[in-house]
Amino acid sequence: MAAFTGGESNGRSRGLLAVAVGALVTAAITACSPAASPAPATPAPATPTSAADASPSSTEPAPTPTDGPAQIVGTVVQFMSDRTSVDVTIGEDSPGVRDFLSLLPTELTFEEFAGREKISYLPRELVYDGSPGSDPEDGDLIYFTSWGNLGFYYNADGIDYSDATLHIGTYVATEQQLSLLEGGPVTVEIVD
């Protein structure tokens, strides 16, 4: 083991100081330089390729809409058939809502369910891990994780909180107007 003299220690200190100053200068130059735009994210496939792909993943975050709005809450999504249209205002920013928006535009078919809601199945299940459940009310658009369907609630009496019921947004329409979405193709898209 060699003994260090004051000169060697002083030289070593100067070397470390030079490296630290160089790192600070590099960081300052980098921070002041114009940043290159990041490459756009590659969208996830629209349909799962296996049963494992169809189930929600806790390790993958929900994709964000590449052409969607910068602010999620307040986004308006229009459901339009050849007989009517219903606008839904997104009520929260969650992984499930972001994944729903990433599917748009899409085309769905709605049907009556149990005298309480109009439902439709999405092209694939949503990635929703980390999304809160809800206590649906009349005028809510929900996603039911157990079945993988959207639902326009118009009679939520007696329906309580469930972790499997994700709140997507709210709408203003009568049950009769919602009935006009049934039976044919419904185009679903974000309204600018």
N, C-alpha and C. Protein backbone atom coordinates (compact mmCIF):
# COMPACT_ATOMS: atom_id res chain seq x y z
N MET A 1 0.84 -1.16 0.00
CA MET A 1 0.00 0.00 0.00
C MET A 1 0.89 1.23 0.00
N ALA A 2 0.66 2.10 -0.92
CA ALA A 2 1.49 3.29 -1.05
C ALA A 2 0.93 4.39 -0.18
N ALA A 3 1.83 5.17 0.37
CA ALA A 3 1.40 6.32 1.16
C ALA A 3 1.21 7.50 0.24
N PHE A 4 0.16 8.28 0.49
CA PHE A 4 -0.11 9.45 -0.35
C PHE A 4 0.48 10.68 0.31
N THR A 5 1.10 11.47 -0.52
CA THR A 5 1.66 12.71 -0.02
C THR A 5 0.66 13.81 -0.29
N GLY A 6 0.87 14.92 0.30
CA GLY A 6 -0.03 16.06 0.10
C GLY A 6 -0.13 16.47 -1.35
N GLY A 7 0.92 16.33 -2.13
CA GLY A 7 0.90 16.71 -3.54
C GLY A 7 0.00 15.81 -4.36
N GLU A 8 0.05 14.50 -4.06
CA GLU A 8 -0.81 13.58 -4.82
C GLU A 8 -2.29 13.84 -4.49
N SER A 9 -2.58 14.09 -3.22
CA SER A 9 -3.96 14.35 -2.80
C SER A 9 -4.47 15.65 -3.41
N ASN A 10 -3.60 16.67 -3.46
CA ASN A 10 -3.97 17.95 -4.05
C ASN A 10 -4.24 17.79 -5.55
N GLY A 11 -3.44 17.01 -6.24
CA GLY A 11 -3.65 16.77 -7.67
C GLY A 11 -4.93 16.00 -7.92
N ARG A 12 -5.21 15.04 -7.05
CA ARG A 12 -6.42 14.24 -7.19
C ARG A 12 -7.65 15.13 -6.96
N SER A 13 -7.59 16.05 -5.99
CA SER A 13 -8.70 16.98 -5.72
C SER A 13 -8.95 17.88 -6.92
N ARG A 14 -7.84 18.36 -7.54
CA ARG A 14 -8.01 19.22 -8.72
C ARG A 14 -8.66 18.44 -9.86
N GLY A 15 -8.30 17.18 -10.03
CA GLY A 15 -8.89 16.35 -11.08
C GLY A 15 -10.38 16.14 -10.87
N LEU A 16 -10.77 15.85 -9.62
CA LEU A 16 -12.18 15.68 -9.31
C LEU A 16 -12.96 16.98 -9.51
N LEU A 17 -12.32 18.10 -9.14
CA LEU A 17 -12.95 19.40 -9.33
C LEU A 17 -13.16 19.69 -10.81
N ALA A 18 -12.18 19.35 -11.64
CA ALA A 18 -12.29 19.57 -13.08
C ALA A 18 -13.42 18.73 -13.68
N VAL A 19 -13.54 17.47 -13.23
CA VAL A 19 -14.61 16.60 -13.72
C VAL A 19 -15.98 17.15 -13.31
N ALA A 20 -16.10 17.62 -12.06
CA ALA A 20 -17.37 18.16 -11.58
C ALA A 20 -17.76 19.42 -12.35
N VAL A 21 -16.79 20.33 -12.57
CA VAL A 21 -17.06 21.55 -13.32
C VAL A 21 -17.47 21.20 -14.75
N GLY A 22 -16.79 20.25 -15.36
CA GLY A 22 -17.13 19.83 -16.73
C GLY A 22 -18.55 19.29 -16.80
N ALA A 23 -18.94 18.49 -15.80
CA ALA A 23 -20.30 17.94 -15.78
C ALA A 23 -21.34 19.04 -15.63
N LEU A 24 -21.06 20.03 -14.77
CA LEU A 24 -21.99 21.14 -14.59
C LEU A 24 -22.12 21.97 -15.86
N VAL A 25 -21.02 22.23 -16.55
CA VAL A 25 -21.06 23.00 -17.79
C VAL A 25 -21.86 22.24 -18.85
N THR A 26 -21.63 20.94 -18.95
CA THR A 26 -22.37 20.13 -19.92
C THR A 26 -23.87 20.15 -19.61
N ALA A 27 -24.21 20.03 -18.33
CA ALA A 27 -25.63 20.06 -17.95
C ALA A 27 -26.25 21.41 -18.27
N ALA A 28 -25.53 22.48 -18.02
CA ALA A 28 -26.05 23.82 -18.30
C ALA A 28 -26.25 24.03 -19.79
N ILE A 29 -25.30 23.58 -20.60
CA ILE A 29 -25.42 23.73 -22.05
C ILE A 29 -26.60 22.91 -22.57
N THR A 30 -26.73 21.69 -22.07
CA THR A 30 -27.83 20.82 -22.49
C THR A 30 -29.18 21.42 -22.10
N ALA A 31 -29.27 21.96 -20.90
CA ALA A 31 -30.54 22.54 -20.44
C ALA A 31 -30.93 23.77 -21.23
N CYS A 32 -29.96 24.51 -21.74
CA CYS A 32 -30.25 25.73 -22.47
C CYS A 32 -30.43 25.49 -23.96
N SER A 33 -30.11 24.30 -24.44
CA SER A 33 -30.24 23.99 -25.86
C SER A 33 -31.68 23.68 -26.19
N PRO A 34 -32.11 24.00 -27.43
CA PRO A 34 -33.48 23.61 -27.81
C PRO A 34 -33.58 22.10 -27.85
N ALA A 35 -34.64 21.58 -27.27
CA ALA A 35 -34.84 20.13 -27.21
C ALA A 35 -35.46 19.63 -28.49
N ALA A 36 -35.05 18.46 -28.88
CA ALA A 36 -35.68 17.81 -30.04
C ALA A 36 -37.03 17.26 -29.61
N SER A 37 -37.97 17.28 -30.51
CA SER A 37 -39.30 16.75 -30.21
C SER A 37 -39.20 15.25 -30.05
N PRO A 38 -39.83 14.69 -29.02
CA PRO A 38 -39.79 13.25 -28.87
C PRO A 38 -40.60 12.58 -29.97
N ALA A 39 -40.18 11.38 -30.34
CA ALA A 39 -40.90 10.63 -31.37
C ALA A 39 -42.26 10.25 -30.83
N PRO A 40 -43.29 10.27 -31.67
CA PRO A 40 -44.62 9.90 -31.20
C PRO A 40 -44.63 8.44 -30.78
N ALA A 41 -45.43 8.15 -29.76
CA ALA A 41 -45.55 6.78 -29.27
C ALA A 41 -46.27 5.94 -30.30
N THR A 42 -45.86 4.68 -30.41
CA THR A 42 -46.52 3.76 -31.31
C THR A 42 -47.81 3.30 -30.66
N PRO A 43 -48.95 3.44 -31.34
CA PRO A 43 -50.22 3.05 -30.73
C PRO A 43 -50.28 1.55 -30.52
N ALA A 44 -51.01 1.14 -29.48
CA ALA A 44 -51.21 -0.27 -29.18
C ALA A 44 -52.12 -0.87 -30.24
N PRO A 45 -51.98 -2.19 -30.50
CA PRO A 45 -52.88 -2.81 -31.48
C PRO A 45 -54.32 -2.70 -31.03
N ALA A 46 -55.25 -2.55 -31.99
CA ALA A 46 -56.66 -2.35 -31.68
C ALA A 46 -57.32 -3.62 -31.16
N THR A 47 -56.83 -4.79 -31.58
CA THR A 47 -57.45 -6.02 -31.10
C THR A 47 -56.38 -6.91 -30.50
N PRO A 48 -56.72 -7.61 -29.42
CA PRO A 48 -55.75 -8.48 -28.80
C PRO A 48 -55.43 -9.65 -29.70
N THR A 49 -54.19 -10.15 -29.61
CA THR A 49 -53.79 -11.28 -30.43
C THR A 49 -53.88 -12.58 -29.67
N SER A 50 -54.03 -12.52 -28.35
CA SER A 50 -54.19 -13.73 -27.57
C SER A 50 -55.05 -13.42 -26.36
N ALA A 51 -55.45 -14.46 -25.65
CA ALA A 51 -56.27 -14.25 -24.46
C ALA A 51 -55.51 -13.44 -23.43
N ALA A 52 -54.20 -13.62 -23.35
CA ALA A 52 -53.40 -12.85 -22.38
C ALA A 52 -53.43 -11.37 -22.72
N ASP A 53 -53.46 -11.04 -24.03
CA ASP A 53 -53.50 -9.64 -24.45
C ASP A 53 -54.82 -8.98 -24.11
N ALA A 54 -55.89 -9.76 -24.00
CA ALA A 54 -57.22 -9.19 -23.79
C ALA A 54 -57.44 -8.77 -22.34
N SER A 55 -56.67 -9.33 -21.41
CA SER A 55 -56.90 -8.98 -20.01
C SER A 55 -56.13 -7.73 -19.64
N PRO A 56 -56.66 -6.97 -18.69
CA PRO A 56 -56.00 -5.74 -18.28
C PRO A 56 -54.64 -6.07 -17.68
N SER A 57 -53.70 -5.20 -17.88
CA SER A 57 -52.36 -5.42 -17.38
C SER A 57 -52.04 -4.42 -16.29
N SER A 58 -51.42 -4.92 -15.24
CA SER A 58 -51.03 -4.00 -14.18
C SER A 58 -49.63 -3.47 -14.42
N THR A 59 -48.89 -4.04 -15.38
CA THR A 59 -47.53 -3.57 -15.62
C THR A 59 -47.46 -2.56 -16.74
N GLU A 60 -48.45 -2.50 -17.59
CA GLU A 60 -48.44 -1.55 -18.70
C GLU A 60 -49.40 -0.41 -18.42
N PRO A 61 -48.93 0.84 -18.55
CA PRO A 61 -49.86 1.96 -18.37
C PRO A 61 -50.81 2.03 -19.55
N ALA A 62 -51.97 2.61 -19.32
CA ALA A 62 -52.95 2.77 -20.39
C ALA A 62 -52.38 3.71 -21.44
N PRO A 63 -52.56 3.36 -22.71
CA PRO A 63 -52.07 4.27 -23.75
C PRO A 63 -52.85 5.57 -23.72
N THR A 64 -52.18 6.61 -24.15
CA THR A 64 -52.87 7.90 -24.25
C THR A 64 -53.23 8.13 -25.70
N PRO A 65 -54.31 8.81 -25.96
CA PRO A 65 -54.68 9.05 -27.35
C PRO A 65 -53.62 9.91 -28.03
N THR A 66 -53.14 9.44 -29.18
CA THR A 66 -52.08 10.17 -29.87
C THR A 66 -52.61 11.43 -30.52
N ASP A 67 -53.82 11.41 -31.00
CA ASP A 67 -54.40 12.59 -31.62
C ASP A 67 -55.47 13.21 -30.73
N GLY A 68 -55.54 12.75 -29.49
CA GLY A 68 -56.59 13.19 -28.58
C GLY A 68 -56.26 14.51 -27.91
N PRO A 69 -57.15 14.92 -27.05
CA PRO A 69 -56.99 16.21 -26.40
C PRO A 69 -55.87 16.17 -25.36
N ALA A 70 -55.23 17.32 -25.13
CA ALA A 70 -54.18 17.41 -24.13
C ALA A 70 -54.78 17.29 -22.73
N GLN A 71 -55.98 17.84 -22.54
CA GLN A 71 -56.66 17.75 -21.26
C GLN A 71 -57.79 16.74 -21.41
N ILE A 72 -57.83 15.75 -20.54
CA ILE A 72 -58.81 14.67 -20.65
C ILE A 72 -60.17 15.11 -20.10
N VAL A 73 -60.19 15.62 -18.85
CA VAL A 73 -61.45 16.04 -18.23
C VAL A 73 -62.05 17.19 -19.03
N GLY A 74 -63.31 17.05 -19.38
CA GLY A 74 -63.99 18.07 -20.18
C GLY A 74 -64.03 17.75 -21.66
N THR A 75 -63.29 16.74 -22.09
CA THR A 75 -63.33 16.31 -23.49
C THR A 75 -64.74 15.85 -23.82
N VAL A 76 -65.22 16.19 -25.00
CA VAL A 76 -66.57 15.78 -25.42
C VAL A 76 -66.43 14.67 -26.46
N VAL A 77 -67.14 13.57 -26.20
CA VAL A 77 -67.18 12.42 -27.10
C VAL A 77 -68.60 12.31 -27.63
N GLN A 78 -68.74 12.24 -28.94
CA GLN A 78 -70.07 12.18 -29.56
C GLN A 78 -70.37 10.75 -30.02
N PHE A 79 -71.57 10.28 -29.67
CA PHE A 79 -72.11 8.99 -30.10
C PHE A 79 -73.20 9.33 -31.10
N MET A 80 -73.01 8.97 -32.40
CA MET A 80 -73.93 9.41 -33.43
C MET A 80 -74.42 8.23 -34.28
N SER A 81 -75.76 8.10 -34.32
CA SER A 81 -76.40 7.13 -35.21
C SER A 81 -77.03 7.91 -36.36
N ASP A 82 -77.74 7.21 -37.23
CA ASP A 82 -78.41 7.92 -38.33
C ASP A 82 -79.68 8.62 -37.84
N ARG A 83 -80.06 8.40 -36.55
CA ARG A 83 -81.29 9.00 -36.03
C ARG A 83 -81.09 10.00 -34.90
N THR A 84 -79.92 9.99 -34.24
CA THR A 84 -79.69 10.91 -33.12
C THR A 84 -78.21 10.99 -32.80
N SER A 85 -77.87 11.90 -31.91
CA SER A 85 -76.51 11.94 -31.36
C SER A 85 -76.58 12.30 -29.89
N VAL A 86 -75.65 11.75 -29.13
CA VAL A 86 -75.57 12.00 -27.70
C VAL A 86 -74.12 12.37 -27.41
N ASP A 87 -73.93 13.52 -26.74
CA ASP A 87 -72.60 13.97 -26.35
C ASP A 87 -72.33 13.59 -24.91
N VAL A 88 -71.13 13.05 -24.68
CA VAL A 88 -70.68 12.68 -23.34
C VAL A 88 -69.50 13.57 -22.99
N THR A 89 -69.53 14.17 -21.81
CA THR A 89 -68.42 14.98 -21.32
C THR A 89 -67.61 14.13 -20.36
N ILE A 90 -66.34 13.94 -20.68
CA ILE A 90 -65.46 13.11 -19.85
C ILE A 90 -65.32 13.75 -18.49
N GLY A 91 -65.50 12.94 -17.43
CA GLY A 91 -65.55 13.46 -16.08
C GLY A 91 -64.30 13.26 -15.25
N GLU A 92 -63.39 12.41 -15.68
CA GLU A 92 -62.18 12.21 -14.91
C GLU A 92 -61.07 11.69 -15.79
N ASP A 93 -59.86 11.83 -15.29
CA ASP A 93 -58.67 11.35 -16.00
C ASP A 93 -58.18 10.11 -15.27
N SER A 94 -58.38 8.96 -15.87
CA SER A 94 -57.94 7.69 -15.27
C SER A 94 -57.39 6.81 -16.38
N PRO A 95 -56.66 5.75 -16.03
CA PRO A 95 -56.14 4.86 -17.07
C PRO A 95 -57.25 4.29 -17.97
N GLY A 96 -58.39 3.92 -17.38
CA GLY A 96 -59.50 3.39 -18.18
C GLY A 96 -60.06 4.40 -19.15
N VAL A 97 -60.23 5.64 -18.71
CA VAL A 97 -60.75 6.70 -19.58
C VAL A 97 -59.76 6.98 -20.71
N ARG A 98 -58.48 7.07 -20.38
CA ARG A 98 -57.47 7.32 -21.42
C ARG A 98 -57.47 6.19 -22.46
N ASP A 99 -57.61 4.95 -21.99
CA ASP A 99 -57.61 3.84 -22.94
C ASP A 99 -58.87 3.88 -23.80
N PHE A 100 -60.01 4.24 -23.21
CA PHE A 100 -61.24 4.40 -24.00
C PHE A 100 -61.02 5.43 -25.10
N LEU A 101 -60.47 6.58 -24.76
CA LEU A 101 -60.24 7.63 -25.75
C LEU A 101 -59.26 7.18 -26.83
N SER A 102 -58.33 6.30 -26.48
CA SER A 102 -57.35 5.83 -27.47
C SER A 102 -58.00 4.96 -28.54
N LEU A 103 -59.20 4.42 -28.28
CA LEU A 103 -59.91 3.59 -29.26
C LEU A 103 -60.65 4.42 -30.31
N LEU A 104 -60.80 5.70 -30.06
CA LEU A 104 -61.63 6.55 -30.92
C LEU A 104 -60.85 7.11 -32.10
N PRO A 105 -61.51 7.25 -33.23
CA PRO A 105 -62.92 6.94 -33.51
C PRO A 105 -63.14 5.43 -33.65
N THR A 106 -64.36 5.03 -33.37
CA THR A 106 -64.75 3.63 -33.52
C THR A 106 -66.23 3.57 -33.84
N GLU A 107 -66.71 2.36 -34.14
CA GLU A 107 -68.13 2.17 -34.43
C GLU A 107 -68.65 1.07 -33.51
N LEU A 108 -69.79 1.32 -32.86
CA LEU A 108 -70.37 0.38 -31.90
C LEU A 108 -71.83 0.12 -32.24
N THR A 109 -72.39 -0.91 -31.61
CA THR A 109 -73.82 -1.21 -31.71
C THR A 109 -74.37 -1.30 -30.29
N PHE A 110 -75.44 -0.56 -30.00
CA PHE A 110 -76.03 -0.52 -28.66
C PHE A 110 -77.29 -1.36 -28.60
N GLU A 111 -77.58 -1.85 -27.39
CA GLU A 111 -78.80 -2.61 -27.12
C GLU A 111 -79.31 -2.28 -25.72
N GLU A 112 -80.57 -2.56 -25.49
CA GLU A 112 -81.21 -2.36 -24.19
C GLU A 112 -80.70 -3.42 -23.22
N PHE A 113 -80.52 -3.02 -21.95
CA PHE A 113 -80.15 -3.99 -20.93
C PHE A 113 -80.91 -3.72 -19.64
N ALA A 114 -81.76 -4.66 -19.26
CA ALA A 114 -82.43 -4.73 -17.96
C ALA A 114 -83.27 -3.50 -17.59
N GLY A 115 -83.72 -2.73 -18.57
CA GLY A 115 -84.53 -1.56 -18.26
C GLY A 115 -83.77 -0.49 -17.48
N ARG A 116 -82.44 -0.52 -17.54
CA ARG A 116 -81.62 0.40 -16.78
C ARG A 116 -80.60 1.16 -17.62
N GLU A 117 -80.14 0.52 -18.70
CA GLU A 117 -79.05 1.11 -19.47
C GLU A 117 -79.04 0.60 -20.91
N LYS A 118 -78.37 1.36 -21.75
CA LYS A 118 -78.09 0.95 -23.13
C LYS A 118 -76.62 0.57 -23.14
N ILE A 119 -76.32 -0.65 -23.61
CA ILE A 119 -74.94 -1.13 -23.54
C ILE A 119 -74.37 -1.46 -24.92
N SER A 120 -73.06 -1.45 -24.98
CA SER A 120 -72.33 -1.85 -26.17
C SER A 120 -70.98 -2.41 -25.76
N TYR A 121 -70.48 -3.35 -26.54
CA TYR A 121 -69.18 -3.94 -26.27
C TYR A 121 -68.13 -3.25 -27.14
N LEU A 122 -67.01 -2.93 -26.53
CA LEU A 122 -65.91 -2.27 -27.24
C LEU A 122 -65.16 -3.29 -28.08
N PRO A 123 -64.33 -2.82 -29.04
CA PRO A 123 -63.55 -3.74 -29.87
C PRO A 123 -62.59 -4.61 -29.05
N ARG A 124 -62.19 -4.12 -27.89
CA ARG A 124 -61.34 -4.89 -26.98
C ARG A 124 -61.59 -4.37 -25.57
N GLU A 125 -61.17 -5.17 -24.57
CA GLU A 125 -61.30 -4.72 -23.19
C GLU A 125 -60.34 -3.56 -22.94
N LEU A 126 -60.74 -2.67 -22.04
CA LEU A 126 -59.88 -1.54 -21.69
C LEU A 126 -58.82 -1.94 -20.68
N VAL A 127 -57.69 -1.27 -20.75
CA VAL A 127 -56.68 -1.36 -19.70
C VAL A 127 -57.10 -0.35 -18.65
N TYR A 128 -57.44 -0.82 -17.46
CA TYR A 128 -58.04 0.06 -16.47
C TYR A 128 -57.39 -0.01 -15.10
N ASP A 129 -56.33 -0.79 -14.93
CA ASP A 129 -55.68 -0.93 -13.63
C ASP A 129 -55.35 0.45 -13.06
N GLY A 130 -55.77 0.71 -11.84
CA GLY A 130 -55.55 2.00 -11.20
C GLY A 130 -56.71 2.96 -11.35
N SER A 131 -57.75 2.57 -12.08
CA SER A 131 -58.94 3.41 -12.24
C SER A 131 -59.89 3.16 -11.08
N PRO A 132 -60.47 4.23 -10.51
CA PRO A 132 -61.38 4.04 -9.38
C PRO A 132 -62.74 3.51 -9.82
N GLY A 133 -63.40 2.78 -8.94
CA GLY A 133 -64.77 2.35 -9.18
C GLY A 133 -65.71 3.54 -9.00
N SER A 134 -67.02 3.28 -9.14
CA SER A 134 -67.96 4.39 -9.00
C SER A 134 -69.33 3.89 -8.53
N ASP A 135 -70.15 4.85 -8.15
CA ASP A 135 -71.54 4.65 -7.78
C ASP A 135 -72.36 5.34 -8.87
N PRO A 136 -72.76 4.61 -9.92
CA PRO A 136 -73.37 5.25 -11.08
C PRO A 136 -74.71 5.91 -10.78
N GLU A 137 -74.96 6.97 -11.53
CA GLU A 137 -76.21 7.72 -11.45
C GLU A 137 -76.81 7.83 -12.84
N ASP A 138 -78.09 8.19 -12.89
CA ASP A 138 -78.72 8.46 -14.19
C ASP A 138 -77.88 9.53 -14.89
N GLY A 139 -77.64 9.34 -16.18
CA GLY A 139 -76.85 10.31 -16.93
C GLY A 139 -75.36 10.00 -16.94
N ASP A 140 -74.96 8.83 -16.43
CA ASP A 140 -73.55 8.44 -16.44
C ASP A 140 -73.27 7.46 -17.57
N LEU A 141 -72.14 7.65 -18.24
CA LEU A 141 -71.60 6.64 -19.15
C LEU A 141 -70.54 5.90 -18.34
N ILE A 142 -70.68 4.58 -18.27
CA ILE A 142 -69.75 3.78 -17.46
C ILE A 142 -69.11 2.69 -18.33
N TYR A 143 -68.04 2.11 -17.79
CA TYR A 143 -67.43 0.91 -18.36
C TYR A 143 -67.51 -0.14 -17.27
N PHE A 144 -68.12 -1.29 -17.59
CA PHE A 144 -68.26 -2.38 -16.63
C PHE A 144 -67.16 -3.39 -16.90
N THR A 145 -66.17 -3.44 -15.99
CA THR A 145 -64.98 -4.24 -16.23
C THR A 145 -65.26 -5.74 -16.30
N SER A 146 -66.25 -6.23 -15.57
CA SER A 146 -66.54 -7.67 -15.55
C SER A 146 -66.99 -8.19 -16.90
N TRP A 147 -67.68 -7.38 -17.67
CA TRP A 147 -68.19 -7.81 -18.98
C TRP A 147 -67.52 -7.09 -20.14
N GLY A 148 -66.80 -6.02 -19.86
CA GLY A 148 -66.11 -5.29 -20.93
C GLY A 148 -67.05 -4.45 -21.79
N ASN A 149 -68.11 -3.90 -21.17
CA ASN A 149 -69.06 -3.11 -21.96
C ASN A 149 -69.20 -1.68 -21.44
N LEU A 150 -69.58 -0.79 -22.37
CA LEU A 150 -69.98 0.57 -22.01
C LEU A 150 -71.47 0.53 -21.66
N GLY A 151 -71.90 1.44 -20.82
CA GLY A 151 -73.32 1.53 -20.50
C GLY A 151 -73.75 2.96 -20.27
N PHE A 152 -74.83 3.36 -20.96
CA PHE A 152 -75.48 4.65 -20.70
C PHE A 152 -76.56 4.37 -19.66
N TYR A 153 -76.31 4.75 -18.38
CA TYR A 153 -77.32 4.55 -17.34
C TYR A 153 -78.42 5.59 -17.46
N TYR A 154 -79.67 5.13 -17.50
CA TYR A 154 -80.82 6.04 -17.44
C TYR A 154 -81.73 5.69 -16.28
N ASN A 155 -81.48 4.54 -15.62
CA ASN A 155 -82.24 4.15 -14.42
C ASN A 155 -81.28 3.42 -13.48
N ALA A 156 -80.53 4.18 -12.70
CA ALA A 156 -79.51 3.61 -11.81
C ALA A 156 -80.04 3.38 -10.40
N ASP A 157 -81.37 3.50 -10.20
CA ASP A 157 -81.94 3.27 -8.86
C ASP A 157 -81.53 1.89 -8.36
N GLY A 158 -81.00 1.86 -7.13
CA GLY A 158 -80.63 0.59 -6.51
C GLY A 158 -79.26 0.08 -6.92
N ILE A 159 -78.59 0.77 -7.82
CA ILE A 159 -77.24 0.36 -8.22
C ILE A 159 -76.27 1.08 -7.29
N ASP A 160 -75.45 0.31 -6.58
CA ASP A 160 -74.54 0.88 -5.61
C ASP A 160 -73.11 0.93 -6.15
N TYR A 161 -72.22 1.45 -5.33
CA TYR A 161 -70.80 1.53 -5.68
C TYR A 161 -70.26 0.14 -6.03
N SER A 162 -69.40 0.11 -7.05
CA SER A 162 -68.71 -1.11 -7.41
C SER A 162 -67.34 -0.75 -7.98
N ASP A 163 -66.34 -1.53 -7.58
CA ASP A 163 -65.00 -1.35 -8.16
C ASP A 163 -65.00 -1.72 -9.64
N ALA A 164 -65.99 -2.51 -10.08
CA ALA A 164 -66.05 -2.96 -11.48
C ALA A 164 -66.76 -1.96 -12.38
N THR A 165 -67.31 -0.88 -11.83
CA THR A 165 -68.02 0.14 -12.60
C THR A 165 -67.16 1.39 -12.66
N LEU A 166 -66.58 1.66 -13.82
CA LEU A 166 -65.72 2.82 -14.00
C LEU A 166 -66.50 3.97 -14.63
N HIS A 167 -66.44 5.12 -14.01
CA HIS A 167 -67.12 6.31 -14.54
C HIS A 167 -66.31 6.87 -15.71
N ILE A 168 -66.96 7.00 -16.88
CA ILE A 168 -66.31 7.58 -18.05
C ILE A 168 -66.68 9.05 -18.17
N GLY A 169 -67.98 9.35 -18.08
CA GLY A 169 -68.42 10.73 -18.23
C GLY A 169 -69.91 10.85 -18.00
N THR A 170 -70.46 12.03 -18.33
CA THR A 170 -71.88 12.29 -18.15
C THR A 170 -72.50 12.76 -19.46
N TYR A 171 -73.81 12.55 -19.56
CA TYR A 171 -74.55 12.95 -20.76
C TYR A 171 -75.90 13.51 -20.33
N VAL A 172 -76.53 14.23 -21.26
CA VAL A 172 -77.89 14.71 -21.05
C VAL A 172 -78.72 14.22 -22.24
N ALA A 173 -79.57 13.21 -21.98
CA ALA A 173 -80.44 12.65 -23.01
C ALA A 173 -81.53 11.84 -22.31
N THR A 174 -82.68 11.74 -22.96
CA THR A 174 -83.77 10.93 -22.41
C THR A 174 -83.56 9.47 -22.79
N GLU A 175 -84.31 8.59 -22.13
CA GLU A 175 -84.26 7.16 -22.47
C GLU A 175 -84.73 6.97 -23.91
N GLN A 176 -85.71 7.76 -24.35
CA GLN A 176 -86.19 7.66 -25.72
C GLN A 176 -85.09 8.05 -26.72
N GLN A 177 -84.34 9.09 -26.40
CA GLN A 177 -83.24 9.49 -27.28
C GLN A 177 -82.16 8.41 -27.31
N LEU A 178 -81.86 7.81 -26.15
CA LEU A 178 -80.87 6.73 -26.12
C LEU A 178 -81.34 5.53 -26.95
N SER A 179 -82.67 5.29 -26.96
CA SER A 179 -83.22 4.18 -27.74
C SER A 179 -82.93 4.33 -29.23
N LEU A 180 -82.77 5.57 -29.68
CA LEU A 180 -82.47 5.81 -31.09
C LEU A 180 -81.03 5.43 -31.46
N LEU A 181 -80.21 5.11 -30.46
CA LEU A 181 -78.85 4.60 -30.72
C LEU A 181 -78.85 3.10 -30.98
N GLU A 182 -79.95 2.43 -30.61
CA GLU A 182 -80.01 0.97 -30.70
C GLU A 182 -80.17 0.47 -32.13
N GLY A 183 -79.64 -0.74 -32.36
CA GLY A 183 -79.94 -1.47 -33.57
C GLY A 183 -79.11 -1.17 -34.80
N GLY A 184 -78.40 -0.11 -34.83
CA GLY A 184 -77.60 0.21 -36.00
C GLY A 184 -76.23 0.68 -35.59
N PRO A 185 -75.41 0.97 -36.57
CA PRO A 185 -74.06 1.44 -36.23
C PRO A 185 -74.09 2.82 -35.57
N VAL A 186 -73.25 2.97 -34.55
CA VAL A 186 -73.09 4.25 -33.85
C VAL A 186 -71.62 4.64 -33.95
N THR A 187 -71.38 5.79 -34.56
CA THR A 187 -70.02 6.30 -34.67
C THR A 187 -69.68 7.05 -33.38
N VAL A 188 -68.52 6.72 -32.81
CA VAL A 188 -68.07 7.34 -31.58
C VAL A 188 -66.76 8.05 -31.86
N GLU A 189 -66.75 9.37 -31.59
CA GLU A 189 -65.53 10.15 -31.87
C GLU A 189 -65.43 11.34 -30.95
N ILE A 190 -64.21 11.83 -30.81
CA ILE A 190 -63.95 13.02 -30.01
C ILE A 190 -64.38 14.23 -30.84
N VAL A 191 -65.11 15.14 -30.20
CA VAL A 191 -65.57 16.37 -30.87
C VAL A 191 -64.55 17.46 -30.58
N ASP A 192 -64.11 18.14 -31.64
CA ASP A 192 -63.12 19.21 -31.46
C ASP A 192 -63.73 20.44 -30.84
